[in-house]
Amino acid sequence: MSLRVYVTLRSYGLQPTWLAHIGKTKRRSLLSAYVLRLHLEFLRDLPSALGSPGVTFVHAGLRRGIKLSEQNENDLLWMRPDPKDDVQTEGPIVIHGHTQAIEPVLTRNRICL
């Protein structure tokens, strides 16, 4: 578990060890009991990606050469950057997180926060 996840869970009054060995249904119930409904609704309603001229904001990444509207949501949420894509100069700058780094990573066409 990353430090960020640990700190986030603790901020809601959860002990991360409570979640370690319980099933998905119990985990969901426990999270629902501790995390504010307003926060859950906010997160649920967020778009998977947000495009603006020259830049795309996304959780994990996107596949180059595919329109934003045609991207696979699983990729937007879970893929890892392919270093081969960093040499491309076309397309938007992709601003993403998901891939842990000690400091922001800046390449020709993406920024990992």
PDB file of N, CA and C in Angstrom:
ATOM      1  N   MET A   1       0.846  -1.172   0.000  1.00  0.00           N
ATOM      2  CA  MET A   1       0.000   0.000   0.000  1.00  0.00           C
ATOM      3  C   MET A   1       0.897   1.243   0.000  1.00  0.00           C
ATOM      4  N   SER A   2       0.563   2.160  -0.878  1.00  0.00           N
ATOM      5  CA  SER A   2       1.376   3.370  -0.962  1.00  0.00           C
ATOM      6  C   SER A   2       1.127   4.270   0.245  1.00  0.00           C
ATOM      7  N   LEU A   3       2.070   5.145   0.490  1.00  0.00           N
ATOM      8  CA  LEU A   3       1.939   6.092   1.599  1.00  0.00           C
ATOM      9  C   LEU A   3       0.713   6.973   1.409  1.00  0.00           C
ATOM     10  N   ARG A   4       0.441   7.382   0.161  1.00  0.00           N
ATOM     11  CA  ARG A   4      -0.715   8.234  -0.114  1.00  0.00           C
ATOM     12  C   ARG A   4      -2.027   7.543   0.256  1.00  0.00           C
ATOM     13  N   VAL A   5      -2.149   6.271  -0.124  1.00  0.00           N
ATOM     14  CA  VAL A   5      -3.363   5.516   0.196  1.00  0.00           C
ATOM     15  C   VAL A   5      -3.483   5.377   1.716  1.00  0.00           C
ATOM     16  N   TYR A   6      -2.385   5.055   2.358  1.00  0.00           N
ATOM     17  CA  TYR A   6      -2.369   4.905   3.807  1.00  0.00           C
ATOM     18  C   TYR A   6      -2.832   6.195   4.490  1.00  0.00           C
ATOM     19  N   VAL A   7      -2.264   7.310   4.080  1.00  0.00           N
ATOM     20  CA  VAL A   7      -2.609   8.607   4.679  1.00  0.00           C
ATOM     21  C   VAL A   7      -4.076   8.954   4.395  1.00  0.00           C
ATOM     22  N   THR A   8      -4.537   8.678   3.186  1.00  0.00           N
ATOM     23  CA  THR A   8      -5.926   8.966   2.836  1.00  0.00           C
ATOM     24  C   THR A   8      -6.882   8.153   3.701  1.00  0.00           C
ATOM     25  N   LEU A   9      -6.622   6.852   3.823  1.00  0.00           N
ATOM     26  CA  LEU A   9      -7.487   6.013   4.659  1.00  0.00           C
ATOM     27  C   LEU A   9      -7.502   6.504   6.101  1.00  0.00           C
ATOM     28  N   ARG A  10      -6.336   6.841   6.618  1.00  0.00           N
ATOM     29  CA  ARG A  10      -6.245   7.330   8.003  1.00  0.00           C
ATOM     30  C   ARG A  10      -7.015   8.643   8.166  1.00  0.00           C
ATOM     31  N   SER A  11      -7.022   9.487   7.134  1.00  0.00           N
ATOM     32  CA  SER A  11      -7.724  10.765   7.231  1.00  0.00           C
ATOM     33  C   SER A  11      -9.227  10.579   7.398  1.00  0.00           C
ATOM     34  N   TYR A  12      -9.746   9.416   6.975  1.00  0.00           N
ATOM     35  CA  TYR A  12     -11.161   9.107   7.161  1.00  0.00           C
ATOM     36  C   TYR A  12     -11.406   8.314   8.446  1.00  0.00           C
ATOM     37  N   GLY A  13     -10.363   8.081   9.237  1.00  0.00           N
ATOM     38  CA  GLY A  13     -10.513   7.344  10.478  1.00  0.00           C
ATOM     39  C   GLY A  13     -10.414   5.837  10.318  1.00  0.00           C
ATOM     40  N   LEU A  14      -9.980   5.399   9.150  1.00  0.00           N
ATOM     41  CA  LEU A  14      -9.824   3.967   8.881  1.00  0.00           C
ATOM     42  C   LEU A  14      -8.416   3.501   9.206  1.00  0.00           C
ATOM     43  N   GLN A  15      -8.317   2.329   9.727  1.00  0.00           N
ATOM     44  CA  GLN A  15      -7.015   1.689   9.910  1.00  0.00           C
ATOM     45  C   GLN A  15      -6.778   0.823   8.671  1.00  0.00           C
ATOM     46  N   PRO A  16      -5.759   1.097   7.878  1.00  0.00           N
ATOM     47  CA  PRO A  16      -5.526   0.324   6.654  1.00  0.00           C
ATOM     48  C   PRO A  16      -5.468  -1.190   6.891  1.00  0.00           C
ATOM     49  N   THR A  17      -5.027  -1.624   8.053  1.00  0.00           N
ATOM     50  CA  THR A  17      -4.955  -3.062   8.324  1.00  0.00           C
ATOM     51  C   THR A  17      -6.347  -3.687   8.335  1.00  0.00           C
ATOM     52  N   TRP A  18      -7.390  -2.885   8.596  1.00  0.00           N
ATOM     53  CA  TRP A  18      -8.751  -3.415   8.593  1.00  0.00           C
ATOM     54  C   TRP A  18      -9.133  -3.940   7.202  1.00  0.00           C
ATOM     55  N   LEU A  19      -8.558  -3.346   6.158  1.00  0.00           N
ATOM     56  CA  LEU A  19      -8.942  -3.677   4.785  1.00  0.00           C
ATOM     57  C   LEU A  19      -8.105  -4.800   4.175  1.00  0.00           C
ATOM     58  N   ALA A  20      -7.033  -5.148   4.838  1.00  0.00           N
ATOM     59  CA  ALA A  20      -6.052  -6.057   4.240  1.00  0.00           C
ATOM     60  C   ALA A  20      -6.587  -7.442   3.928  1.00  0.00           C
ATOM     61  N   HIS A  21      -7.407  -8.009   4.780  1.00  0.00           N
ATOM     62  CA  HIS A  21      -7.784  -9.406   4.603  1.00  0.00           C
ATOM     63  C   HIS A  21      -9.292  -9.630   4.578  1.00  0.00           C
ATOM     64  N   ILE A  22     -10.032  -8.634   4.095  1.00  0.00           N
ATOM     65  CA  ILE A  22     -11.479  -8.814   4.003  1.00  0.00           C
ATOM     66  C   ILE A  22     -11.884  -8.816   2.537  1.00  0.00           C
ATOM     67  N   GLY A  23     -13.011  -9.400   2.260  1.00  0.00           N
ATOM     68  CA  GLY A  23     -13.503  -9.484   0.889  1.00  0.00           C
ATOM     69  C   GLY A  23     -13.981  -8.157   0.344  1.00  0.00           C
ATOM     70  N   LYS A  24     -14.248  -8.148  -0.948  1.00  0.00           N
ATOM     71  CA  LYS A  24     -14.643  -6.922  -1.640  1.00  0.00           C
ATOM     72  C   LYS A  24     -15.942  -6.339  -1.068  1.00  0.00           C
ATOM     73  N   THR A  25     -16.916  -7.188  -0.763  1.00  0.00           N
ATOM     74  CA  THR A  25     -18.201  -6.706  -0.245  1.00  0.00           C
ATOM     75  C   THR A  25     -18.030  -6.048   1.122  1.00  0.00           C
ATOM     76  N   LYS A  26     -17.271  -6.693   1.996  1.00  0.00           N
ATOM     77  CA  LYS A  26     -17.039  -6.113   3.327  1.00  0.00           C
ATOM     78  C   LYS A  26     -16.199  -4.842   3.230  1.00  0.00           C
ATOM     79  N   ARG A  27     -15.235  -4.832   2.321  1.00  0.00           N
ATOM     80  CA  ARG A  27     -14.391  -3.648   2.139  1.00  0.00           C
ATOM     81  C   ARG A  27     -15.243  -2.470   1.679  1.00  0.00           C
ATOM     82  N   ARG A  28     -16.134  -2.721   0.727  1.00  0.00           N
ATOM     83  CA  ARG A  28     -17.003  -1.659   0.215  1.00  0.00           C
ATOM     84  C   ARG A  28     -17.903  -1.120   1.322  1.00  0.00           C
ATOM     85  N   SER A  29     -18.432  -2.019   2.138  1.00  0.00           N
ATOM     86  CA  SER A  29     -19.298  -1.621   3.250  1.00  0.00           C
ATOM     87  C   SER A  29     -18.527  -0.784   4.270  1.00  0.00           C
ATOM     88  N   LEU A  30     -17.322  -1.209   4.598  1.00  0.00           N
ATOM     89  CA  LEU A  30     -16.502  -0.472   5.558  1.00  0.00           C
ATOM     90  C   LEU A  30     -16.146   0.913   5.030  1.00  0.00           C
ATOM     91  N   LEU A  31     -15.747   0.990   3.766  1.00  0.00           N
ATOM     92  CA  LEU A  31     -15.423   2.289   3.174  1.00  0.00           C
ATOM     93  C   LEU A  31     -16.642   3.207   3.160  1.00  0.00           C
ATOM     94  N   SER A  32     -17.797   2.638   2.818  1.00  0.00           N
ATOM     95  CA  SER A  32     -19.030   3.441   2.792  1.00  0.00           C
ATOM     96  C   SER A  32     -19.383   3.981   4.170  1.00  0.00           C
ATOM     97  N   ALA A  33     -19.032   3.249   5.196  1.00  0.00           N
ATOM     98  CA  ALA A  33     -19.330   3.686   6.558  1.00  0.00           C
ATOM     99  C   ALA A  33     -18.413   4.827   7.007  1.00  0.00           C
ATOM    100  N   TYR A  34     -17.234   4.916   6.447  1.00  0.00           N
ATOM    101  CA  TYR A  34     -16.252   5.911   6.907  1.00  0.00           C
ATOM    102  C   TYR A  34     -16.064   7.096   5.948  1.00  0.00           C
ATOM    103  N   VAL A  35     -16.188   6.858   4.660  1.00  0.00           N
ATOM    104  CA  VAL A  35     -15.947   7.927   3.683  1.00  0.00           C
ATOM    105  C   VAL A  35     -17.258   8.678   3.438  1.00  0.00           C
ATOM    106  N   LEU A  36     -17.193   9.979   3.483  1.00  0.00           N
ATOM    107  CA  LEU A  36     -18.391  10.802   3.298  1.00  0.00           C
ATOM    108  C   LEU A  36     -19.068  10.501   1.963  1.00  0.00           C
ATOM    109  N   ARG A  37     -20.380  10.383   1.997  1.00  0.00           N
ATOM    110  CA  ARG A  37     -21.155  10.105   0.778  1.00  0.00           C
ATOM    111  C   ARG A  37     -20.867  11.167  -0.295  1.00  0.00           C
ATOM    112  N   LEU A  38     -20.762  12.423   0.120  1.00  0.00           N
ATOM    113  CA  LEU A  38     -20.469  13.507  -0.818  1.00  0.00           C
ATOM    114  C   LEU A  38     -19.145  13.254  -1.542  1.00  0.00           C
ATOM    115  N   HIS A  39     -18.143  12.767  -0.829  1.00  0.00           N
ATOM    116  CA  HIS A  39     -16.845  12.467  -1.437  1.00  0.00           C
ATOM    117  C   HIS A  39     -16.967  11.296  -2.413  1.00  0.00           C
ATOM    118  N   LEU A  40     -17.702  10.251  -2.027  1.00  0.00           N
ATOM    119  CA  LEU A  40     -17.895   9.096  -2.911  1.00  0.00           C
ATOM    120  C   LEU A  40     -18.628   9.502  -4.189  1.00  0.00           C
ATOM    121  N   GLU A  41     -19.661  10.341  -4.051  1.00  0.00           N
ATOM    122  CA  GLU A  41     -20.403  10.802  -5.223  1.00  0.00           C
ATOM    123  C   GLU A  41     -19.518  11.652  -6.133  1.00  0.00           C
ATOM    124  N   PHE A  42     -18.708  12.512  -5.538  1.00  0.00           N
ATOM    125  CA  PHE A  42     -17.786  13.333  -6.320  1.00  0.00           C
ATOM    126  C   PHE A  42     -16.841  12.446  -7.138  1.00  0.00           C
ATOM    127  N   LEU A  43     -16.244  11.455  -6.492  1.00  0.00           N
ATOM    128  CA  LEU A  43     -15.309  10.562  -7.179  1.00  0.00           C
ATOM    129  C   LEU A  43     -16.011   9.726  -8.243  1.00  0.00           C
ATOM    130  N   ARG A  44     -17.200   9.245  -7.927  1.00  0.00           N
ATOM    131  CA  ARG A  44     -17.950   8.422  -8.879  1.00  0.00           C
ATOM    132  C   ARG A  44     -18.315   9.220 -10.135  1.00  0.00           C
ATOM    133  N   ASP A  45     -18.621  10.493  -9.969  1.00  0.00           N
ATOM    134  CA  ASP A  45     -19.099  11.309 -11.081  1.00  0.00           C
ATOM    135  C   ASP A  45     -17.986  11.961 -11.907  1.00  0.00           C
ATOM    136  N   LEU A  46     -16.752  11.824 -11.479  1.00  0.00           N
ATOM    137  CA  LEU A  46     -15.655  12.407 -12.256  1.00  0.00           C
ATOM    138  C   LEU A  46     -15.515  11.710 -13.608  1.00  0.00           C
ATOM    139  N   PRO A  47     -15.190  12.445 -14.655  1.00  0.00           N
ATOM    140  CA  PRO A  47     -14.923  11.782 -15.937  1.00  0.00           C
ATOM    141  C   PRO A  47     -13.603  11.011 -15.860  1.00  0.00           C
ATOM    142  N   SER A  48     -13.460   9.988 -16.690  1.00  0.00           N
ATOM    143  CA  SER A  48     -12.219   9.205 -16.719  1.00  0.00           C
ATOM    144  C   SER A  48     -11.071  10.006 -17.306  1.00  0.00           C
ATOM    145  N   ALA A  49     -11.398  10.970 -18.153  1.00  0.00           N
ATOM    146  CA  ALA A  49     -10.375  11.817 -18.772  1.00  0.00           C
ATOM    147  C   ALA A  49     -11.015  13.154 -19.129  1.00  0.00           C
ATOM    148  N   LEU A  50     -10.170  14.160 -19.218  1.00  0.00           N
ATOM    149  CA  LEU A  50     -10.644  15.495 -19.579  1.00  0.00           C
ATOM    150  C   LEU A  50      -9.690  16.065 -20.612  1.00  0.00           C
ATOM    151  N   GLY A  51     -10.218  16.359 -21.775  1.00  0.00           N
ATOM    152  CA  GLY A  51      -9.390  16.894 -22.851  1.00  0.00           C
ATOM    153  C   GLY A  51      -9.593  18.380 -23.020  1.00  0.00           C
ATOM    154  N   SER A  52      -8.528  19.059 -23.343  1.00  0.00           N
ATOM    155  CA  SER A  52      -8.523  20.486 -23.603  1.00  0.00           C
ATOM    156  C   SER A  52      -7.534  20.679 -24.751  1.00  0.00           C
ATOM    157  N   PRO A  53      -7.628  21.739 -25.519  1.00  0.00           N
ATOM    158  CA  PRO A  53      -6.686  21.886 -26.631  1.00  0.00           C
ATOM    159  C   PRO A  53      -5.226  21.741 -26.182  1.00  0.00           C
ATOM    160  N   GLY A  54      -4.569  20.727 -26.715  1.00  0.00           N
ATOM    161  CA  GLY A  54      -3.152  20.527 -26.451  1.00  0.00           C
ATOM    162  C   GLY A  54      -2.803  19.747 -25.203  1.00  0.00           C
ATOM    163  N   VAL A  55      -3.808  19.415 -24.376  1.00  0.00           N
ATOM    164  CA  VAL A  55      -3.517  18.712 -23.125  1.00  0.00           C
ATOM    165  C   VAL A  55      -4.688  17.781 -22.767  1.00  0.00           C
ATOM    166  N   THR A  56      -4.356  16.632 -22.190  1.00  0.00           N
ATOM    167  CA  THR A  56      -5.371  15.697 -21.699  1.00  0.00           C
ATOM    168  C   THR A  56      -5.011  15.313 -20.280  1.00  0.00           C
ATOM    169  N   PHE A  57      -5.986  15.408 -19.382  1.00  0.00           N
ATOM    170  CA  PHE A  57      -5.814  14.997 -17.990  1.00  0.00           C
ATOM    171  C   PHE A  57      -6.456  13.630 -17.833  1.00  0.00           C
ATOM    172  N   VAL A  58      -5.713  12.701 -17.263  1.00  0.00           N
ATOM    173  CA  VAL A  58      -6.201  11.344 -17.114  1.00  0.00           C
ATOM    174  C   VAL A  58      -5.549  10.710 -15.896  1.00  0.00           C
ATOM    175  N   HIS A  59      -6.201   9.727 -15.302  1.00  0.00           N
ATOM    176  CA  HIS A  59      -5.646   9.084 -14.111  1.00  0.00           C
ATOM    177  C   HIS A  59      -4.355   8.337 -14.436  1.00  0.00           C
ATOM    178  N   ALA A  60      -4.398   7.447 -15.419  1.00  0.00           N
ATOM    179  CA  ALA A  60      -3.237   6.594 -15.686  1.00  0.00           C
ATOM    180  C   ALA A  60      -2.563   6.923 -17.013  1.00  0.00           C
ATOM    181  N   GLY A  61      -3.275   6.890 -18.090  1.00  0.00           N
ATOM    182  CA  GLY A  61      -2.655   7.156 -19.381  1.00  0.00           C
ATOM    183  C   GLY A  61      -3.640   6.961 -20.509  1.00  0.00           C
ATOM    184  N   LEU A  62      -3.180   7.177 -21.720  1.00  0.00           N
ATOM    185  CA  LEU A  62      -4.007   6.918 -22.884  1.00  0.00           C
ATOM    186  C   LEU A  62      -3.150   6.383 -24.006  1.00  0.00           C
ATOM    187  N   ARG A  63      -3.794   5.732 -24.951  1.00  0.00           N
ATOM    188  CA  ARG A  63      -3.097   5.157 -26.094  1.00  0.00           C
ATOM    189  C   ARG A  63      -2.961   6.218 -27.175  1.00  0.00           C
ATOM    190  N   ARG A  64      -1.745   6.433 -27.616  1.00  0.00           N
ATOM    191  CA  ARG A  64      -1.474   7.418 -28.666  1.00  0.00           C
ATOM    192  C   ARG A  64      -2.131   6.983 -29.971  1.00  0.00           C
ATOM    193  N   GLY A  65      -2.622   7.966 -30.722  1.00  0.00           N
ATOM    194  CA  GLY A  65      -3.225   7.698 -32.019  1.00  0.00           C
ATOM    195  C   GLY A  65      -4.691   7.308 -31.959  1.00  0.00           C
ATOM    196  N   ILE A  66      -5.276   7.250 -30.768  1.00  0.00           N
ATOM    197  CA  ILE A  66      -6.688   6.927 -30.609  1.00  0.00           C
ATOM    198  C   ILE A  66      -7.386   8.150 -30.020  1.00  0.00           C
ATOM    199  N   LYS A  67      -8.506   8.553 -30.630  1.00  0.00           N
ATOM    200  CA  LYS A  67      -9.252   9.712 -30.134  1.00  0.00           C
ATOM    201  C   LYS A  67      -9.645   9.500 -28.676  1.00  0.00           C
ATOM    202  N   LEU A  68      -9.700  10.583 -27.919  1.00  0.00           N
ATOM    203  CA  LEU A  68     -10.051  10.508 -26.508  1.00  0.00           C
ATOM    204  C   LEU A  68     -11.413   9.831 -26.319  1.00  0.00           C
ATOM    205  N   SER A  69     -12.360  10.147 -27.182  1.00  0.00           N
ATOM    206  CA  SER A  69     -13.708   9.569 -27.069  1.00  0.00           C
ATOM    207  C   SER A  69     -13.722   8.065 -27.334  1.00  0.00           C
ATOM    208  N   GLU A  70     -12.661   7.537 -27.945  1.00  0.00           N
ATOM    209  CA  GLU A  70     -12.598   6.105 -28.271  1.00  0.00           C
ATOM    210  C   GLU A  70     -11.625   5.326 -27.379  1.00  0.00           C
ATOM    211  N   GLN A  71     -11.065   5.989 -26.380  1.00  0.00           N
ATOM    212  CA  GLN A  71     -10.127   5.324 -25.478  1.00  0.00           C
ATOM    213  C   GLN A  71     -10.855   4.286 -24.623  1.00  0.00           C
ATOM    214  N   ASN A  72     -10.132   3.243 -24.271  1.00  0.00           N
ATOM    215  CA  ASN A  72     -10.645   2.199 -23.391  1.00  0.00           C
ATOM    216  C   ASN A  72     -10.563   2.712 -21.953  1.00  0.00           C
ATOM    217  N   GLU A  73     -11.684   2.670 -21.223  1.00  0.00           N
ATOM    218  CA  GLU A  73     -11.691   3.207 -19.855  1.00  0.00           C
ATOM    219  C   GLU A  73     -10.702   2.476 -18.954  1.00  0.00           C
ATOM    220  N   ASN A  74     -10.516   1.195 -19.174  1.00  0.00           N
ATOM    221  CA  ASN A  74      -9.544   0.435 -18.384  1.00  0.00           C
ATOM    222  C   ASN A  74      -8.140   1.011 -18.563  1.00  0.00           C
ATOM    223  N   ASP A  75      -7.779   1.397 -19.780  1.00  0.00           N
ATOM    224  CA  ASP A  75      -6.478   2.021 -20.028  1.00  0.00           C
ATOM    225  C   ASP A  75      -6.382   3.361 -19.312  1.00  0.00           C
ATOM    226  N   LEU A  76      -7.447   4.151 -19.395  1.00  0.00           N
ATOM    227  CA  LEU A  76      -7.443   5.472 -18.771  1.00  0.00           C
ATOM    228  C   LEU A  76      -7.200   5.379 -17.262  1.00  0.00           C
ATOM    229  N   LEU A  77      -7.672   4.298 -16.664  1.00  0.00           N
ATOM    230  CA  LEU A  77      -7.573   4.147 -15.213  1.00  0.00           C
ATOM    231  C   LEU A  77      -6.391   3.315 -14.741  1.00  0.00           C
ATOM    232  N   TRP A  78      -5.849   2.423 -15.586  1.00  0.00           N
ATOM    233  CA  TRP A  78      -4.891   1.455 -15.079  1.00  0.00           C
ATOM    234  C   TRP A  78      -3.594   1.301 -15.861  1.00  0.00           C
ATOM    235  N   MET A  79      -3.508   1.762 -17.084  1.00  0.00           N
ATOM    236  CA  MET A  79      -2.293   1.486 -17.863  1.00  0.00           C
ATOM    237  C   MET A  79      -1.069   2.216 -17.299  1.00  0.00           C
ATOM    238  N   ARG A  80       0.070   1.718 -17.620  1.00  0.00           N
ATOM    239  CA  ARG A  80       1.330   2.368 -17.258  1.00  0.00           C
ATOM    240  C   ARG A  80       1.912   2.996 -18.528  1.00  0.00           C
ATOM    241  N   PRO A  81       2.636   4.091 -18.404  1.00  0.00           N
ATOM    242  CA  PRO A  81       3.214   4.726 -19.594  1.00  0.00           C
ATOM    243  C   PRO A  81       4.210   3.805 -20.288  1.00  0.00           C
ATOM    244  N   ASP A  82       4.184   3.839 -21.601  1.00  0.00           N
ATOM    245  CA  ASP A  82       5.148   3.097 -22.400  1.00  0.00           C
ATOM    246  C   ASP A  82       6.275   4.069 -22.754  1.00  0.00           C
ATOM    247  N   PRO A  83       7.511   3.799 -22.312  1.00  0.00           N
ATOM    248  CA  PRO A  83       8.618   4.725 -22.589  1.00  0.00           C
ATOM    249  C   PRO A  83       8.807   5.007 -24.081  1.00  0.00           C
ATOM    250  N   LYS A  84       8.394   4.092 -24.951  1.00  0.00           N
ATOM    251  CA  LYS A  84       8.503   4.323 -26.394  1.00  0.00           C
ATOM    252  C   LYS A  84       7.639   5.498 -26.838  1.00  0.00           C
ATOM    253  N   ASP A  85       6.546   5.745 -26.114  1.00  0.00           N
ATOM    254  CA  ASP A  85       5.657   6.856 -26.465  1.00  0.00           C
ATOM    255  C   ASP A  85       6.276   8.214 -26.155  1.00  0.00           C
ATOM    256  N   ASP A  86       7.286   8.253 -25.302  1.00  0.00           N
ATOM    257  CA  ASP A  86       7.871   9.523 -24.888  1.00  0.00           C
ATOM    258  C   ASP A  86       8.644  10.220 -26.000  1.00  0.00           C
ATOM    259  N   VAL A  87       8.948   9.523 -27.078  1.00  0.00           N
ATOM    260  CA  VAL A  87       9.679  10.158 -28.175  1.00  0.00           C
ATOM    261  C   VAL A  87       8.735  10.785 -29.194  1.00  0.00           C
ATOM    262  N   GLN A  88       7.448  10.472 -29.130  1.00  0.00           N
ATOM    263  CA  GLN A  88       6.492  11.050 -30.068  1.00  0.00           C
ATOM    264  C   GLN A  88       6.315  12.533 -29.789  1.00  0.00           C
ATOM    265  N   THR A  89       6.113  13.281 -30.846  1.00  0.00           N
ATOM    266  CA  THR A  89       5.917  14.722 -30.689  1.00  0.00           C
ATOM    267  C   THR A  89       4.505  15.149 -31.037  1.00  0.00           C
ATOM    268  N   GLU A  90       3.706  14.246 -31.587  1.00  0.00           N
ATOM    269  CA  GLU A  90       2.334  14.610 -31.966  1.00  0.00           C
ATOM    270  C   GLU A  90       1.356  14.273 -30.849  1.00  0.00           C
ATOM    271  N   GLY A  91       0.207  14.899 -30.904  1.00  0.00           N
ATOM    272  CA  GLY A  91      -0.815  14.633 -29.907  1.00  0.00           C
ATOM    273  C   GLY A  91      -0.671  15.538 -28.700  1.00  0.00           C
ATOM    274  N   PRO A  92      -1.657  15.437 -27.813  1.00  0.00           N
ATOM    275  CA  PRO A  92      -1.663  16.315 -26.640  1.00  0.00           C
ATOM    276  C   PRO A  92      -0.617  15.903 -25.604  1.00  0.00           C
ATOM    277  N   ILE A  93      -0.288  16.832 -24.739  1.00  0.00           N
ATOM    278  CA  ILE A  93       0.511  16.498 -23.556  1.00  0.00           C
ATOM    279  C   ILE A  93      -0.438  15.789 -22.603  1.00  0.00           C
ATOM    280  N   VAL A  94      -0.034  14.651 -22.096  1.00  0.00           N
ATOM    281  CA  VAL A  94      -0.867  13.879 -21.182  1.00  0.00           C
ATOM    282  C   VAL A  94      -0.398  14.142 -19.761  1.00  0.00           C
ATOM    283  N   ILE A  95      -1.301  14.606 -18.926  1.00  0.00           N
ATOM    284  CA  ILE A  95      -0.994  14.836 -17.515  1.00  0.00           C
ATOM    285  C   ILE A  95      -1.696  13.737 -16.739  1.00  0.00           C
ATOM    286  N   HIS A  96      -0.905  12.950 -16.017  1.00  0.00           N
ATOM    287  CA  HIS A  96      -1.460  11.777 -15.347  1.00  0.00           C
ATOM    288  C   HIS A  96      -0.791  11.547 -14.002  1.00  0.00           C
ATOM    289  N   GLY A  97      -1.354  10.643 -13.268  1.00  0.00           N
ATOM    290  CA  GLY A  97      -0.798  10.178 -12.012  1.00  0.00           C
ATOM    291  C   GLY A  97      -0.622   8.683 -12.126  1.00  0.00           C
ATOM    292  N   HIS A  98      -1.116   7.950 -11.167  1.00  0.00           N
ATOM    293  CA  HIS A  98      -1.168   6.492 -11.134  1.00  0.00           C
ATOM    294  C   HIS A  98       0.193   5.817 -11.008  1.00  0.00           C
ATOM    295  N   THR A  99       1.182   6.262 -11.748  1.00  0.00           N
ATOM    296  CA  THR A  99       2.512   5.667 -11.687  1.00  0.00           C
ATOM    297  C   THR A  99       3.314   6.439 -10.642  1.00  0.00           C
ATOM    298  N   GLN A 100       3.689   5.750  -9.586  1.00  0.00           N
ATOM    299  CA  GLN A 100       4.373   6.443  -8.493  1.00  0.00           C
ATOM    300  C   GLN A 100       5.769   6.892  -8.908  1.00  0.00           C
ATOM    301  N   ALA A 101       6.108   8.079  -8.465  1.00  0.00           N
ATOM    302  CA  ALA A 101       7.435   8.641  -8.693  1.00  0.00           C
ATOM    303  C   ALA A 101       7.742   9.567  -7.517  1.00  0.00           C
ATOM    304  N   ILE A 102       9.000   9.662  -7.160  1.00  0.00           N
ATOM    305  CA  ILE A 102       9.398  10.521  -6.051  1.00  0.00           C
ATOM    306  C   ILE A 102       9.150  11.987  -6.383  1.00  0.00           C
ATOM    307  N   GLU A 103       9.399  12.348  -7.638  1.00  0.00           N
ATOM    308  CA  GLU A 103       9.176  13.713  -8.113  1.00  0.00           C
ATOM    309  C   GLU A 103       8.394  13.641  -9.419  1.00  0.00           C
ATOM    310  N   PRO A 104       7.759  14.729  -9.845  1.00  0.00           N
ATOM    311  CA  PRO A 104       7.063  14.708 -11.130  1.00  0.00           C
ATOM    312  C   PRO A 104       8.010  14.292 -12.259  1.00  0.00           C
ATOM    313  N   VAL A 105       7.460  13.550 -13.212  1.00  0.00           N
ATOM    314  CA  VAL A 105       8.229  13.100 -14.368  1.00  0.00           C
ATOM    315  C   VAL A 105       7.763  13.924 -15.557  1.00  0.00           C
ATOM    316  N   LEU A 106       8.697  14.619 -16.208  1.00  0.00           N
ATOM    317  CA  LEU A 106       8.373  15.437 -17.369  1.00  0.00           C
ATOM    318  C   LEU A 106       9.089  14.873 -18.590  1.00  0.00           C
ATOM    319  N   THR A 107       8.331  14.545 -19.620  1.00  0.00           N
ATOM    320  CA  THR A 107       8.916  14.114 -20.890  1.00  0.00           C
ATOM    321  C   THR A 107       8.379  15.039 -21.974  1.00  0.00           C
ATOM    322  N   ARG A 108       8.699  14.727 -23.198  1.00  0.00           N
ATOM    323  CA  ARG A 108       8.277  15.566 -24.319  1.00  0.00           C
ATOM    324  C   ARG A 108       6.750  15.694 -24.409  1.00  0.00           C
ATOM    325  N   ASN A 109       6.026  14.618 -24.053  1.00  0.00           N
ATOM    326  CA  ASN A 109       4.580  14.662 -24.260  1.00  0.00           C
ATOM    327  C   ASN A 109       3.748  14.194 -23.063  1.00  0.00           C
ATOM    328  N   ARG A 110       4.349  14.084 -21.882  1.00  0.00           N
ATOM    329  CA  ARG A 110       3.538  13.741 -20.714  1.00  0.00           C
ATOM    330  C   ARG A 110       4.169  14.275 -19.434  1.00  0.00           C
ATOM    331  N   ILE A 111       3.306  14.453 -18.455  1.00  0.00           N
ATOM    332  CA  ILE A 111       3.731  14.876 -17.126  1.00  0.00           C
ATOM    333  C   ILE A 111       3.076  13.910 -16.138  1.00  0.00           C
ATOM    334  N   CYS A 112       3.881  13.234 -15.369  1.00  0.00           N
ATOM    335  CA  CYS A 112       3.385  12.318 -14.343  1.00  0.00           C
ATOM    336  C   CYS A 112       3.515  13.003 -12.998  1.00  0.00           C
ATOM    337  N   LEU A 113       2.398  13.162 -12.320  1.00  0.00           N
ATOM    338  CA  LEU A 113       2.400  13.848 -11.013  1.00  0.00           C
ATOM    339  C   LEU A 113       2.374  12.863  -9.872  1.00  0.00           C
TER     340      LEU A 113
END
